[in-house]
Amino acid sequence: MVKVTYAQDRVVRIEGRLEGGILPELSVLGGAGWTIELSGVVSIDDRAREFLHRKRAEGCRLVGASMYIAQLLEERHP
């Protein structure tokens, strides 16, 4: 289960398991100027990882990730 909270100033807080099924809801996020707060994320699947890679490349800031999630984000899969 995942909880998504849209805060002020273009900040999105995500808590729980970030999986591909929630990504359509997050497609409203633009690029530069948005911040995705990941401190409450406990796991991500491959689709979510690629989504976060794309958002970071578009200029989104990814903040607050645990060491585990940060390591997953550093890994690239074909």
Protein backbone atom coordinates (compact mmCIF):
# COMPACT_ATOMS: atom_id res chain seq x y z
CA MET A 1 0.00 0.00 0.00
CA VAL A 2 1.17 3.51 -0.73
CA LYS A 3 0.12 6.94 0.47
CA VAL A 4 0.75 10.00 -1.70
CA THR A 5 0.42 13.48 -0.22
CA TYR A 6 0.66 16.63 -2.32
CA ALA A 7 2.05 19.37 -0.10
CA GLN A 8 2.51 23.05 -0.82
CA ASP A 9 5.36 24.35 -2.95
CA ARG A 10 5.39 21.43 -5.39
CA VAL A 11 6.38 18.79 -2.83
CA VAL A 12 5.04 15.25 -3.03
CA ARG A 13 5.47 12.89 -0.07
CA ILE A 14 5.32 9.18 -0.76
CA GLU A 15 4.98 6.58 1.98
CA GLY A 16 4.86 2.79 1.77
CA ARG A 17 5.62 0.55 -1.19
CA LEU A 18 6.08 2.47 -4.41
CA GLU A 19 4.97 0.19 -7.22
CA GLY A 20 4.16 0.63 -10.89
CA GLY A 21 0.40 0.63 -10.32
CA ILE A 22 0.48 4.06 -8.65
CA LEU A 23 2.57 5.70 -11.35
CA PRO A 24 -0.38 7.02 -13.41
CA GLU A 25 -1.40 9.11 -10.38
CA LEU A 26 2.14 10.51 -10.17
CA SER A 27 2.31 11.36 -13.87
CA VAL A 28 1.05 14.88 -13.03
CA LEU A 29 4.49 15.68 -11.62
CA GLY A 30 6.46 17.99 -13.80
CA GLY A 31 10.21 18.19 -13.86
CA ALA A 32 12.30 21.02 -12.49
CA GLY A 33 10.85 22.64 -9.40
CA TRP A 34 9.21 19.51 -8.01
CA THR A 35 10.50 17.67 -4.94
CA ILE A 36 9.66 14.04 -4.24
CA GLU A 37 10.04 13.20 -0.54
CA LEU A 38 10.92 9.52 -0.18
CA SER A 39 11.62 9.17 3.56
CA GLY A 40 8.50 7.04 4.08
CA VAL A 41 9.13 4.70 1.14
CA VAL A 42 9.98 1.16 2.24
CA SER A 43 10.37 -0.50 -1.18
CA ILE A 44 10.22 0.22 -4.91
CA ASP A 45 9.71 -2.09 -7.85
CA ASP A 46 11.54 -1.85 -11.18
CA ARG A 47 8.86 0.32 -12.82
CA ALA A 48 8.92 2.76 -9.92
CA ARG A 49 12.72 2.86 -10.00
CA GLU A 50 12.70 3.75 -13.70
CA PHE A 51 9.99 6.37 -13.06
CA LEU A 52 12.15 7.99 -10.36
CA HIS A 53 15.19 7.88 -12.67
CA ARG A 54 13.16 9.71 -15.35
CA LYS A 55 11.85 12.28 -12.90
CA ARG A 56 15.36 12.96 -11.57
CA ALA A 57 16.62 13.37 -15.17
CA GLU A 58 13.76 15.84 -15.81
CA GLY A 59 14.90 17.95 -12.86
CA CYS A 60 12.85 16.65 -9.91
CA ARG A 61 14.68 16.55 -6.61
CA LEU A 62 14.51 13.20 -4.83
CA VAL A 63 15.04 13.73 -1.10
CA GLY A 64 14.92 11.77 2.14
CA ALA A 65 15.44 8.28 0.72
CA SER A 66 16.67 5.66 3.17
CA MET A 67 20.06 4.11 2.47
CA TYR A 68 18.28 1.05 1.07
CA ILE A 69 16.11 3.05 -1.36
CA ALA A 70 19.06 5.28 -2.31
CA GLN A 71 21.08 2.18 -3.18
CA LEU A 72 18.23 0.82 -5.31
CA LEU A 73 18.06 4.14 -7.14
CA GLU A 74 21.78 3.96 -7.91
CA GLU A 75 21.41 0.53 -9.52
CA ARG A 76 20.46 0.37 -13.18
CA HIS A 77 18.78 -2.65 -14.72
CA PRO A 78 18.54 -3.26 -18.46
